C-alpha cells in the first residue's frame, strides 16, 4: 500500500513538472524570437 502511494506521488510530481515545462515552453520560445529580432 505504501509503495503504491509513493508511485502515485511520483507520477503526480512528474506530471506536474511536465505541465510546468509545457506551460513555460511557449514563453521561452517567444523570448528567444524577440531576442533574435532585436539583435539583427
C-alpha atoms as a PDB file:
ATOM      1  CA  UNK A   1       0.000   0.000   0.000  1.00  0.00           C
ATOM      2  CA  UNK A   2       2.817   2.405   0.915  1.00  0.00           C
ATOM      3  CA  UNK A   3       4.644   1.574  -2.316  1.00  0.00           C
ATOM      4  CA  UNK A   4       1.516   2.343  -4.340  1.00  0.00           C
ATOM      5  CA  UNK A   5       1.105   5.749  -2.670  1.00  0.00           C
ATOM      6  CA  UNK A   6       4.763   6.510  -3.349  1.00  0.00           C
ATOM      7  CA  UNK A   7       4.292   5.633  -7.001  1.00  0.00           C
ATOM      8  CA  UNK A   8       1.190   7.821  -7.292  1.00  0.00           C
ATOM      9  CA  UNK A   9       3.105  10.689  -5.663  1.00  0.00           C
ATOM     10  CA  UNK A  10       5.998  10.290  -8.100  1.00  0.00           C
ATOM     11  CA  UNK A  11       3.662  10.242 -11.107  1.00  0.00           C
ATOM     12  CA  UNK A  12       1.841  13.339  -9.826  1.00  0.00           C
ATOM     13  CA  UNK A  13       5.102  15.254  -9.330  1.00  0.00           C
ATOM     14  CA  UNK A  14       6.411  14.148 -12.744  1.00  0.00           C
ATOM     15  CA  UNK A  15       3.094  15.100 -14.369  1.00  0.00           C
ATOM     16  CA  UNK A  16       3.149  18.478 -12.640  1.00  0.00           C
ATOM     17  CA  UNK A  17       6.709  19.038 -13.812  1.00  0.00           C
ATOM     18  CA  UNK A  18       5.784  18.158 -17.381  1.00  0.00           C
ATOM     19  CA  UNK A  19       2.791  20.504 -17.287  1.00  0.00           C
ATOM     20  CA  UNK A  20       5.036  23.246 -15.905  1.00  0.00           C
ATOM     21  CA  UNK A  21       7.589  22.731 -18.674  1.00  0.00           C
ATOM     22  CA  UNK A  22       4.880  22.694 -21.338  1.00  0.00           C
ATOM     23  CA  UNK A  23       3.432  25.898 -19.893  1.00  0.00           C
ATOM     24  CA  UNK A  24       6.834  27.631 -19.928  1.00  0.00           C
ATOM     25  CA  UNK A  25       7.938  26.442 -23.362  1.00  0.00           C
ATOM     26  CA  UNK A  26       5.885  28.968 -25.428  1.00  0.00           C
ATOM     27  CA  UNK A  27       7.181  31.840 -23.285  1.00  0.00           C
ATOM     28  CA  UNK A  28      10.785  30.698 -23.738  1.00  0.00           C
ATOM     29  CA  UNK A  29      10.278  30.402 -27.498  1.00  0.00           C
ATOM     30  CA  UNK A  30       8.742  33.904 -27.626  1.00  0.00           C
ATOM     31  CA  UNK A  31      11.647  35.377 -25.665  1.00  0.00           C
ATOM     32  CA  UNK A  32      14.119  33.669 -27.964  1.00  0.00           C
ATOM     33  CA  UNK A  33      12.386  35.065 -31.087  1.00  0.00           C
ATOM     34  CA  UNK A  34      12.299  38.576 -29.607  1.00  0.00           C
ATOM     35  CA  UNK A  35      15.973  38.310 -28.682  1.00  0.00           C
ATOM     36  CA  UNK A  36      16.921  37.256 -32.212  1.00  0.00           C
ATOM     37  CA  UNK A  37      14.878  40.074 -33.774  1.00  0.00           C
ATOM     38  CA  UNK A  38      16.422  42.784 -31.588  1.00  0.00           C
ATOM     39  CA  UNK A  39      19.947  41.560 -32.364  1.00  0.00           C
ATOM     40  CA  UNK A  40      19.548  41.642 -36.160  1.00  0.00           C
END
